N, C-alpha and C. Protein backbone atom coordinates (compact mmCIF):
# COMPACT_ATOMS: atom_id res chain seq x y z
N MET A 1 124.14 116.38 28.94
CA MET A 1 124.89 115.26 30.17
C MET A 1 123.70 114.44 30.66
N LYS A 2 122.63 115.15 30.93
CA LYS A 2 121.32 114.99 31.87
C LYS A 2 120.88 113.80 30.62
N LYS A 3 120.62 114.02 29.55
CA LYS A 3 119.83 113.13 28.87
C LYS A 3 120.62 111.93 28.57
N ASN A 4 122.04 111.74 28.17
CA ASN A 4 122.87 110.85 28.23
C ASN A 4 122.87 110.00 29.14
N ASN A 5 122.68 110.72 30.50
CA ASN A 5 122.63 109.72 32.19
C ASN A 5 121.15 109.18 31.91
N ASN A 6 120.03 109.90 31.23
CA ASN A 6 118.76 109.11 31.24
C ASN A 6 118.67 107.94 30.63
N LEU A 7 119.46 107.99 29.22
CA LEU A 7 119.62 107.09 27.83
C LEU A 7 120.45 105.75 28.84
N MET A 8 121.64 105.98 29.67
CA MET A 8 122.09 104.98 30.14
C MET A 8 121.32 104.30 30.90
N LEU A 9 120.52 104.95 32.04
CA LEU A 9 119.84 104.39 32.79
C LEU A 9 118.45 103.68 32.57
N TYR A 10 117.90 104.05 31.09
CA TYR A 10 117.16 103.21 30.21
C TYR A 10 117.48 102.22 29.90
N LEU A 11 118.67 101.71 29.39
CA LEU A 11 119.58 100.95 28.81
C LEU A 11 120.07 99.80 29.46
N ILE A 12 120.10 100.26 31.20
CA ILE A 12 120.57 99.18 32.02
C ILE A 12 119.21 98.81 32.32
N ALA A 13 118.39 99.53 32.57
CA ALA A 13 117.06 98.95 32.86
C ALA A 13 116.51 97.89 32.06
N LEU A 14 116.62 98.33 30.63
CA LEU A 14 116.36 97.16 29.97
C LEU A 14 117.15 95.89 29.55
N TYR A 15 118.39 96.19 30.05
CA TYR A 15 119.24 94.68 30.13
C TYR A 15 118.76 94.21 31.62
N LEU A 16 118.25 94.75 32.63
CA LEU A 16 118.31 93.97 33.60
C LEU A 16 116.94 93.42 33.72
N LEU A 17 115.70 93.97 33.07
CA LEU A 17 114.21 93.73 32.70
C LEU A 17 115.01 92.04 31.70
N PHE A 18 115.23 92.27 30.94
CA PHE A 18 115.75 90.81 30.01
C PHE A 18 116.42 89.88 30.77
N THR A 19 117.00 89.99 31.70
CA THR A 19 118.10 89.07 32.53
C THR A 19 117.57 88.95 33.64
N LEU A 20 116.68 89.75 34.10
CA LEU A 20 116.04 89.22 35.52
C LEU A 20 114.38 88.82 35.33
N VAL A 21 113.89 89.18 34.38
CA VAL A 21 112.52 88.63 34.45
C VAL A 21 112.52 86.96 34.53
N GLY A 22 113.22 86.38 33.81
CA GLY A 22 113.31 84.87 34.05
C GLY A 22 114.23 84.22 32.89
N CYS A 23 114.89 83.15 33.42
CA CYS A 23 115.78 82.63 32.21
C CYS A 23 115.45 81.11 32.15
N THR A 24 115.29 80.68 30.82
CA THR A 24 114.87 79.42 30.68
C THR A 24 116.28 78.36 30.45
N THR A 25 117.14 79.11 30.23
CA THR A 25 118.20 78.09 29.92
C THR A 25 119.04 77.07 31.34
N PHE A 26 119.75 76.16 30.96
CA PHE A 26 120.17 75.13 31.20
C PHE A 26 121.34 75.67 31.91
N PRO A 27 122.09 75.24 33.04
CA PRO A 27 123.65 75.13 33.27
C PRO A 27 124.30 74.78 31.81
N THR A 28 125.62 75.66 31.59
CA THR A 28 126.25 75.19 30.67
C THR A 28 127.04 73.80 30.46
N GLU A 29 127.20 73.31 31.59
CA GLU A 29 127.75 72.08 31.59
C GLU A 29 126.85 71.21 31.17
N ALA A 30 125.36 70.99 31.01
CA ALA A 30 124.07 70.10 30.73
C ALA A 30 124.66 69.77 29.22
N PRO A 31 124.30 68.95 28.91
CA PRO A 31 124.66 68.42 27.48
C PRO A 31 123.41 68.62 26.74
N THR A 32 123.34 68.62 25.30
CA THR A 32 122.60 68.79 24.32
C THR A 32 121.20 67.99 24.77
N PHE A 33 119.81 68.82 25.12
CA PHE A 33 118.67 67.56 25.50
C PHE A 33 118.00 66.99 23.91
N ASN A 34 118.65 66.14 23.65
CA ASN A 34 117.97 65.48 22.06
C ASN A 34 117.53 64.18 22.21
N ALA A 35 117.34 63.14 21.07
CA ALA A 35 116.65 62.24 21.09
C ALA A 35 116.90 61.14 22.12
N ASP A 36 118.44 61.07 21.95
CA ASP A 36 119.10 60.46 22.73
C ASP A 36 118.97 60.54 24.47
N SER A 37 118.78 62.02 24.95
CA SER A 37 118.49 62.19 26.01
C SER A 37 116.86 62.21 26.81
N ILE A 38 116.26 61.97 25.34
CA ILE A 38 114.77 61.33 25.48
C ILE A 38 114.88 59.97 25.86
N ALA A 39 115.20 59.15 25.08
CA ALA A 39 115.51 57.93 25.24
C ALA A 39 115.61 57.41 26.52
N ASN A 40 117.00 58.04 26.93
CA ASN A 40 117.19 57.52 28.28
C ASN A 40 116.26 57.79 29.57
N LEU A 41 115.33 58.63 29.53
CA LEU A 41 114.46 59.08 30.16
C LEU A 41 113.03 58.03 30.00
N GLY A 42 113.28 57.22 28.86
CA GLY A 42 112.30 55.89 28.95
C GLY A 42 111.05 56.26 28.28
N ILE A 43 110.89 57.72 27.63
CA ILE A 43 110.04 58.36 26.64
C ILE A 43 110.10 58.16 25.34
N LYS A 44 109.64 57.68 24.54
CA LYS A 44 109.27 57.12 23.48
C LYS A 44 109.42 58.47 22.42
N SER A 45 110.24 58.61 21.55
CA SER A 45 110.03 59.70 20.50
C SER A 45 108.91 59.93 19.83
N ALA A 46 108.55 59.05 19.21
CA ALA A 46 107.27 58.55 18.42
C ALA A 46 106.06 59.07 18.91
N GLU A 47 106.07 59.09 20.38
CA GLU A 47 104.37 59.41 21.10
C GLU A 47 104.83 60.87 21.28
N ILE A 48 105.79 61.62 21.19
CA ILE A 48 105.90 62.93 21.57
C ILE A 48 105.14 63.69 20.81
N LYS A 49 104.03 64.67 21.43
CA LYS A 49 103.10 65.91 20.69
C LYS A 49 103.67 66.99 20.41
N ALA A 50 104.32 67.34 21.67
CA ALA A 50 105.01 68.88 21.95
C ALA A 50 106.09 68.90 22.83
N GLN A 51 107.03 69.53 22.81
CA GLN A 51 108.00 70.05 23.34
C GLN A 51 108.83 71.33 23.83
N GLU A 52 108.52 72.08 24.57
CA GLU A 52 108.84 72.82 24.98
C GLU A 52 110.13 73.14 25.77
N LYS A 53 110.62 74.22 26.16
CA LYS A 53 111.27 74.86 27.21
C LYS A 53 110.63 75.91 28.20
N ALA A 54 110.56 75.75 29.45
CA ALA A 54 109.82 76.48 30.18
C ALA A 54 110.40 76.60 31.88
N LEU A 55 110.18 77.70 32.44
CA LEU A 55 110.59 77.71 33.91
C LEU A 55 109.41 76.94 34.64
N PHE A 56 109.79 76.08 35.42
CA PHE A 56 108.57 75.36 35.80
C PHE A 56 108.84 74.96 37.50
N GLY A 57 107.65 74.72 37.91
CA GLY A 57 107.36 74.77 39.53
C GLY A 57 106.12 74.19 39.77
N VAL A 58 106.05 73.40 40.72
CA VAL A 58 104.84 72.80 41.57
C VAL A 58 104.68 73.61 42.79
N THR A 59 103.40 73.95 42.98
CA THR A 59 102.89 74.57 44.34
C THR A 59 101.54 74.04 44.65
N SER A 60 100.89 74.36 45.95
CA SER A 60 99.77 74.41 46.36
C SER A 60 98.61 75.16 45.45
N LEU A 61 97.57 74.85 45.46
CA LEU A 61 96.34 75.42 44.89
C LEU A 61 96.10 76.69 44.58
N ASP A 62 96.23 77.35 46.17
CA ASP A 62 96.41 78.73 46.52
C ASP A 62 97.24 79.44 46.51
N SER A 63 98.32 79.06 46.25
CA SER A 63 99.78 79.76 46.55
C SER A 63 99.98 80.73 45.43
N THR A 64 100.81 81.86 45.44
CA THR A 64 101.11 82.42 44.37
C THR A 64 102.48 82.76 44.46
N VAL A 65 103.46 81.72 44.78
CA VAL A 65 104.94 81.59 44.86
C VAL A 65 105.17 80.16 44.55
N ALA A 66 105.97 79.81 43.49
CA ALA A 66 106.61 78.49 43.59
C ALA A 66 107.85 78.49 42.77
N ASP A 67 108.64 77.71 43.32
CA ASP A 67 110.25 77.35 42.97
C ASP A 67 110.42 77.21 41.60
N LEU A 68 110.95 77.90 40.61
CA LEU A 68 110.71 77.90 39.27
C LEU A 68 112.40 77.61 38.96
N ARG A 69 112.23 76.89 37.94
CA ARG A 69 113.58 76.20 37.63
C ARG A 69 113.46 75.82 36.07
N PRO A 70 114.44 75.78 35.17
CA PRO A 70 114.45 75.26 34.18
C PRO A 70 113.98 73.93 33.67
N SER A 71 113.32 74.01 32.81
CA SER A 71 112.66 72.54 32.37
C SER A 71 112.32 72.45 30.95
N TYR A 72 112.37 71.20 30.60
CA TYR A 72 112.23 70.51 29.31
C TYR A 72 110.60 69.91 29.30
N VAL A 73 109.43 70.86 28.72
CA VAL A 73 108.39 70.01 29.27
C VAL A 73 108.03 69.19 27.79
N ILE A 74 107.84 67.89 27.88
CA ILE A 74 107.56 66.93 26.99
C ILE A 74 106.20 66.41 27.25
N GLN A 75 105.25 66.60 26.16
CA GLN A 75 103.82 66.56 26.28
C GLN A 75 103.88 64.51 24.95
N THR A 76 102.96 63.89 25.64
CA THR A 76 102.76 62.78 24.85
C THR A 76 101.36 62.69 24.93
N GLY A 77 100.59 61.58 24.14
CA GLY A 77 99.26 61.14 24.36
C GLY A 77 98.71 60.96 25.29
N ASP A 78 99.48 60.67 26.62
CA ASP A 78 99.03 60.62 27.85
C ASP A 78 99.65 61.05 28.72
N ALA A 79 100.77 61.45 28.82
CA ALA A 79 101.12 62.25 29.85
C ALA A 79 102.12 63.39 29.53
N LEU A 80 102.17 64.45 30.89
CA LEU A 80 103.24 65.43 30.52
C LEU A 80 104.32 65.11 31.31
N TYR A 81 105.48 65.42 30.81
CA TYR A 81 106.58 65.33 31.64
C TYR A 81 107.36 66.64 31.85
N PHE A 82 108.17 66.95 32.97
CA PHE A 82 108.76 67.88 33.03
C PHE A 82 110.18 67.38 33.38
N VAL A 83 111.35 67.68 32.57
CA VAL A 83 112.58 67.30 32.99
C VAL A 83 113.21 68.26 33.42
N THR A 84 114.27 68.00 33.97
CA THR A 84 115.11 69.02 34.30
C THR A 84 116.78 68.33 34.74
N TRP A 85 117.85 69.35 34.89
CA TRP A 85 118.99 68.64 34.73
C TRP A 85 119.52 68.49 36.41
N ASN A 86 119.95 67.30 36.68
CA ASN A 86 120.34 66.98 38.24
C ASN A 86 121.75 67.42 38.27
N GLU A 87 122.26 68.18 39.06
CA GLU A 87 123.55 68.73 38.93
C GLU A 87 124.14 67.70 39.61
N GLY A 88 123.93 66.97 40.90
CA GLY A 88 124.59 66.42 41.48
C GLY A 88 124.76 64.71 40.73
N LEU A 89 123.91 64.37 39.47
CA LEU A 89 124.22 63.19 38.98
C LEU A 89 124.76 63.38 37.68
N LYS A 90 124.57 64.34 37.21
CA LYS A 90 125.24 65.22 35.89
C LYS A 90 124.39 64.72 34.77
N GLN A 91 123.07 64.34 35.14
CA GLN A 91 122.13 63.90 33.96
C GLN A 91 120.79 64.58 33.93
N TYR A 92 119.98 64.26 32.76
CA TYR A 92 118.63 64.91 32.92
C TYR A 92 118.05 63.85 33.61
N LYS A 93 116.64 64.67 34.44
CA LYS A 93 115.65 63.46 35.03
C LYS A 93 114.58 64.17 34.99
N LYS A 94 113.57 63.14 35.27
CA LYS A 94 112.16 63.34 34.99
C LYS A 94 111.78 64.03 36.66
N GLU A 95 111.22 65.33 36.27
CA GLU A 95 111.06 65.97 37.80
C GLU A 95 109.46 65.46 38.02
N LEU A 96 108.99 65.64 37.26
CA LEU A 96 107.22 65.29 37.36
C LEU A 96 106.96 64.41 36.11
N SER A 97 105.95 63.35 36.31
CA SER A 97 105.72 62.97 35.30
C SER A 97 103.73 62.59 35.73
N LEU A 98 102.96 63.54 34.82
CA LEU A 98 101.63 63.80 35.02
C LEU A 98 100.91 63.60 34.05
N PRO A 99 100.05 62.49 34.44
CA PRO A 99 99.19 61.69 33.48
C PRO A 99 98.28 62.88 33.27
N LEU A 100 97.95 62.71 31.81
CA LEU A 100 96.90 63.78 31.27
C LEU A 100 95.62 63.87 31.95
N GLY A 101 95.28 62.40 32.61
CA GLY A 101 93.98 61.93 32.93
C GLY A 101 93.60 62.73 34.72
N ARG A 102 94.99 63.13 35.05
CA ARG A 102 95.16 63.81 36.28
C ARG A 102 94.98 65.16 36.38
N ILE A 103 94.72 65.78 35.28
CA ILE A 103 94.95 67.02 35.08
C ILE A 103 93.44 67.55 34.87
N ASN A 104 93.16 68.66 35.94
CA ASN A 104 91.55 69.24 36.26
C ASN A 104 91.68 70.04 34.93
N SER A 105 92.47 70.77 34.74
CA SER A 105 92.42 72.55 33.92
C SER A 105 93.43 72.82 33.84
N VAL A 106 93.41 73.72 32.46
CA VAL A 106 94.88 74.45 32.04
C VAL A 106 94.22 75.85 32.04
N ALA A 107 95.52 76.61 32.33
CA ALA A 107 94.62 78.58 31.98
C ALA A 107 96.19 78.97 31.35
N LEU A 108 95.51 79.74 30.61
CA LEU A 108 96.94 81.04 30.21
C LEU A 108 96.63 82.19 30.68
N VAL A 109 97.71 82.53 31.31
CA VAL A 109 97.90 83.65 32.27
C VAL A 109 98.59 84.79 31.75
N ARG A 110 98.07 85.80 31.64
CA ARG A 110 98.58 86.72 30.86
C ARG A 110 98.98 87.85 32.43
N TYR A 111 100.64 88.15 32.37
CA TYR A 111 100.74 89.27 33.35
C TYR A 111 101.90 90.39 32.93
N GLY A 112 102.47 91.19 33.17
CA GLY A 112 103.68 91.93 33.12
C GLY A 112 102.81 93.46 33.02
N THR A 113 103.59 94.64 33.02
CA THR A 113 102.83 95.82 32.92
C THR A 113 101.79 95.78 31.59
N PHE A 114 102.11 95.35 30.52
CA PHE A 114 101.19 95.30 29.66
C PHE A 114 100.58 93.84 28.95
N GLY A 115 100.87 93.16 30.18
CA GLY A 115 100.11 91.71 29.64
C GLY A 115 101.14 91.07 28.64
N HIS A 116 102.38 91.00 28.60
CA HIS A 116 103.36 90.84 27.67
C HIS A 116 103.83 89.74 28.27
N ILE A 117 103.84 88.98 29.07
CA ILE A 117 104.62 88.02 29.53
C ILE A 117 103.53 86.65 29.81
N ARG A 118 103.72 85.35 29.66
CA ARG A 118 102.59 84.37 29.81
C ARG A 118 103.50 83.41 31.00
N GLN A 119 102.18 82.63 31.63
CA GLN A 119 102.26 81.45 32.30
C GLN A 119 101.25 80.23 31.71
N VAL A 120 101.26 78.97 31.69
CA VAL A 120 100.31 78.27 31.69
C VAL A 120 100.42 77.51 32.96
N HIS A 121 99.17 77.52 33.67
CA HIS A 121 98.86 77.25 34.84
C HIS A 121 98.04 75.52 34.52
N ILE A 122 98.79 74.57 35.28
CA ILE A 122 97.86 73.20 34.92
C ILE A 122 97.31 73.03 36.66
N THR A 123 96.24 72.66 36.98
CA THR A 123 95.65 72.40 38.36
C THR A 123 95.46 70.58 38.36
N THR A 124 95.70 70.01 39.42
CA THR A 124 95.39 68.65 39.68
C THR A 124 94.45 68.77 40.98
N ASP A 125 94.32 67.70 41.27
CA ASP A 125 93.15 67.98 42.68
C ASP A 125 93.93 68.48 43.53
N SER A 126 95.12 68.62 43.84
CA SER A 126 96.04 68.89 44.99
C SER A 126 96.82 70.12 44.74
N GLU A 127 97.63 70.15 43.47
CA GLU A 127 98.63 71.07 43.17
C GLU A 127 98.54 71.77 41.96
N LEU A 128 99.11 72.77 41.94
CA LEU A 128 99.37 74.00 40.87
C LEU A 128 100.61 73.41 40.06
N VAL A 129 100.62 73.37 38.83
CA VAL A 129 102.02 73.10 38.07
C VAL A 129 101.83 74.42 37.25
N VAL A 130 103.10 75.04 37.31
CA VAL A 130 103.15 76.25 36.58
C VAL A 130 104.54 76.11 35.66
N MET A 131 104.15 76.69 34.28
CA MET A 131 105.07 76.95 33.11
C MET A 131 105.23 78.31 33.08
N SER A 132 106.09 78.88 33.34
CA SER A 132 106.50 80.49 33.16
C SER A 132 107.39 80.69 32.09
N PHE A 133 106.97 81.46 31.25
CA PHE A 133 107.73 81.77 30.08
C PHE A 133 108.30 83.16 30.24
N THR A 134 109.23 83.49 29.46
CA THR A 134 110.14 84.66 29.63
C THR A 134 109.35 85.80 28.09
N VAL A 135 109.95 86.87 28.29
CA VAL A 135 109.92 88.00 27.42
C VAL A 135 110.07 87.05 26.07
N GLY A 136 109.13 87.23 25.08
CA GLY A 136 109.49 86.95 24.08
C GLY A 136 109.11 85.75 23.31
N GLU A 137 108.76 84.92 24.55
CA GLU A 137 108.27 83.26 24.68
C GLU A 137 106.74 83.33 24.32
N ASN A 138 105.89 84.44 23.95
CA ASN A 138 104.42 84.41 24.09
C ASN A 138 103.87 83.13 23.31
N GLU A 139 104.60 83.35 21.92
CA GLU A 139 103.95 82.09 21.09
C GLU A 139 104.17 80.86 21.73
N ILE A 140 105.51 80.45 22.41
CA ILE A 140 105.74 78.98 23.07
C ILE A 140 104.67 78.85 24.02
N ALA A 141 104.30 79.83 24.90
CA ALA A 141 103.39 79.63 26.00
C ALA A 141 102.08 79.37 25.57
N GLU A 142 101.68 80.03 24.16
CA GLU A 142 100.46 79.88 23.89
C GLU A 142 100.09 78.63 22.77
N LYS A 143 101.65 78.06 22.46
CA LYS A 143 101.53 76.73 21.83
C LYS A 143 101.22 75.44 23.03
N ALA A 144 102.13 75.52 23.83
CA ALA A 144 101.83 74.81 25.22
C ALA A 144 100.58 74.51 25.56
N PHE A 145 100.02 75.91 26.03
CA PHE A 145 98.38 75.86 26.45
C PHE A 145 97.62 75.19 25.25
N SER A 146 97.67 75.60 23.94
CA SER A 146 96.54 75.09 22.98
C SER A 146 97.03 73.46 22.77
N THR A 147 97.99 72.99 23.28
CA THR A 147 98.39 71.71 22.76
C THR A 147 97.52 70.77 24.07
N LEU A 148 97.78 71.36 25.07
CA LEU A 148 96.89 70.95 26.20
C LEU A 148 95.47 70.76 26.13
N ALA A 149 95.03 72.02 25.78
CA ALA A 149 93.48 72.11 25.27
C ALA A 149 93.14 71.41 24.35
N ASP A 150 93.85 70.89 23.17
CA ASP A 150 93.61 69.96 22.30
C ASP A 150 93.73 69.04 22.48
N ALA A 151 94.33 68.23 23.71
CA ALA A 151 94.08 67.14 23.95
C ALA A 151 92.82 66.99 25.29
N GLY A 152 92.09 67.70 25.00
CA GLY A 152 90.74 67.65 25.78
C GLY A 152 91.20 68.00 27.26
N VAL A 153 92.21 68.61 27.75
CA VAL A 153 92.14 69.12 28.97
C VAL A 153 91.24 70.41 29.13
N LYS A 154 90.54 70.48 30.37
CA LYS A 154 89.37 71.69 30.41
C LYS A 154 89.86 72.79 30.53
N VAL A 155 89.64 74.02 30.15
CA VAL A 155 90.35 75.21 29.80
C VAL A 155 89.60 75.85 31.04
N SER A 156 90.47 76.70 31.74
CA SER A 156 89.94 77.41 32.60
C SER A 156 90.72 78.90 32.89
N GLU A 157 89.72 79.92 33.15
CA GLU A 157 90.10 81.21 33.24
C GLU A 157 90.86 81.96 34.25
N LYS A 158 90.40 81.00 35.28
CA LYS A 158 90.63 81.57 36.83
C LYS A 158 91.63 81.15 37.25
N SER A 159 92.74 81.77 37.23
CA SER A 159 94.31 81.66 38.00
C SER A 159 94.76 83.20 38.03
N GLN A 160 95.86 83.25 38.69
CA GLN A 160 96.64 84.43 38.77
C GLN A 160 97.95 84.32 38.66
N PHE A 161 98.86 85.18 38.57
CA PHE A 161 100.27 85.15 38.53
C PHE A 161 100.73 84.41 39.40
N VAL A 162 101.86 83.72 39.40
CA VAL A 162 102.73 82.89 40.29
C VAL A 162 104.13 83.30 40.12
N ARG A 163 104.65 84.05 41.31
CA ARG A 163 106.21 84.35 41.16
C ARG A 163 106.99 83.37 41.34
N GLY A 164 108.11 83.55 41.13
CA GLY A 164 109.45 82.74 41.40
C GLY A 164 109.91 82.94 43.13
N ALA A 165 110.20 81.71 43.86
CA ALA A 165 110.58 82.24 45.13
C ALA A 165 111.40 83.15 45.32
N ASN A 166 112.67 83.28 44.59
CA ASN A 166 113.65 84.12 44.77
C ASN A 166 112.93 85.65 44.17
N ASP A 167 112.00 85.96 43.55
CA ASP A 167 112.00 86.88 42.85
C ASP A 167 111.82 88.28 43.82
N SER A 168 111.35 88.07 45.16
CA SER A 168 111.52 89.19 45.81
C SER A 168 112.90 89.75 46.33
N LEU A 169 113.91 89.03 45.85
CA LEU A 169 115.46 89.39 45.71
C LEU A 169 115.76 90.28 44.52
N VAL A 170 114.79 90.33 43.79
CA VAL A 170 115.31 91.38 42.59
C VAL A 170 114.57 92.91 42.90
N ILE A 171 115.59 93.63 42.78
CA ILE A 171 115.50 95.31 43.20
C ILE A 171 114.77 95.91 42.22
N PRO A 172 113.52 96.68 42.26
CA PRO A 172 113.12 97.49 41.17
C PRO A 172 114.04 98.42 40.74
N LEU A 173 113.86 98.98 39.59
CA LEU A 173 114.78 100.18 39.11
C LEU A 173 113.39 101.21 38.96
N PHE A 174 113.74 102.40 39.41
CA PHE A 174 112.98 103.68 38.82
C PHE A 174 113.81 104.49 38.27
N ILE A 175 113.39 104.92 37.23
CA ILE A 175 113.90 105.75 36.14
C ILE A 175 112.89 107.29 35.99
N SER A 176 113.57 108.38 36.54
CA SER A 176 112.75 109.62 36.25
C SER A 176 113.11 110.26 35.32
N ARG A 177 112.63 111.00 34.78
CA ARG A 177 113.13 112.07 33.83
C ARG A 177 113.48 113.69 33.92
């Protein structure tokens, strides 16, 4: 009986881990993000170098907390766009347009118990832009980082994990044997 209880607690912990680590999904009422959505934002599809989904937030350079929310990240030859769903307007909007020339550096941050989760940190003169990826999205994070580095953005090794503003509401689970 005790073995079954431990297994059940383990399965619950895994479920919570995958649901609470972060979610890059958009609300169900958000329409599919496609070429028409991108054109409506004034971004030319032919100019797109990379497009990913990530949790996105902007904070001060020395902060370790950001308001992370689902975003489509689009990189063109000269800018990086963060697109979010505006619930009130019922449409996608450019939350942030960041010219590549304004970016000072980019860093790939590994965190989690085994370094198994990734964030991409983009610094400007006054802010830190965070792209946070969930479990299983390491290749996506590394591709986003590499695409910026390949565009000539200076690579930085100095950066630290930035948590979401609501992460303090997560109650940690401890399982004993």
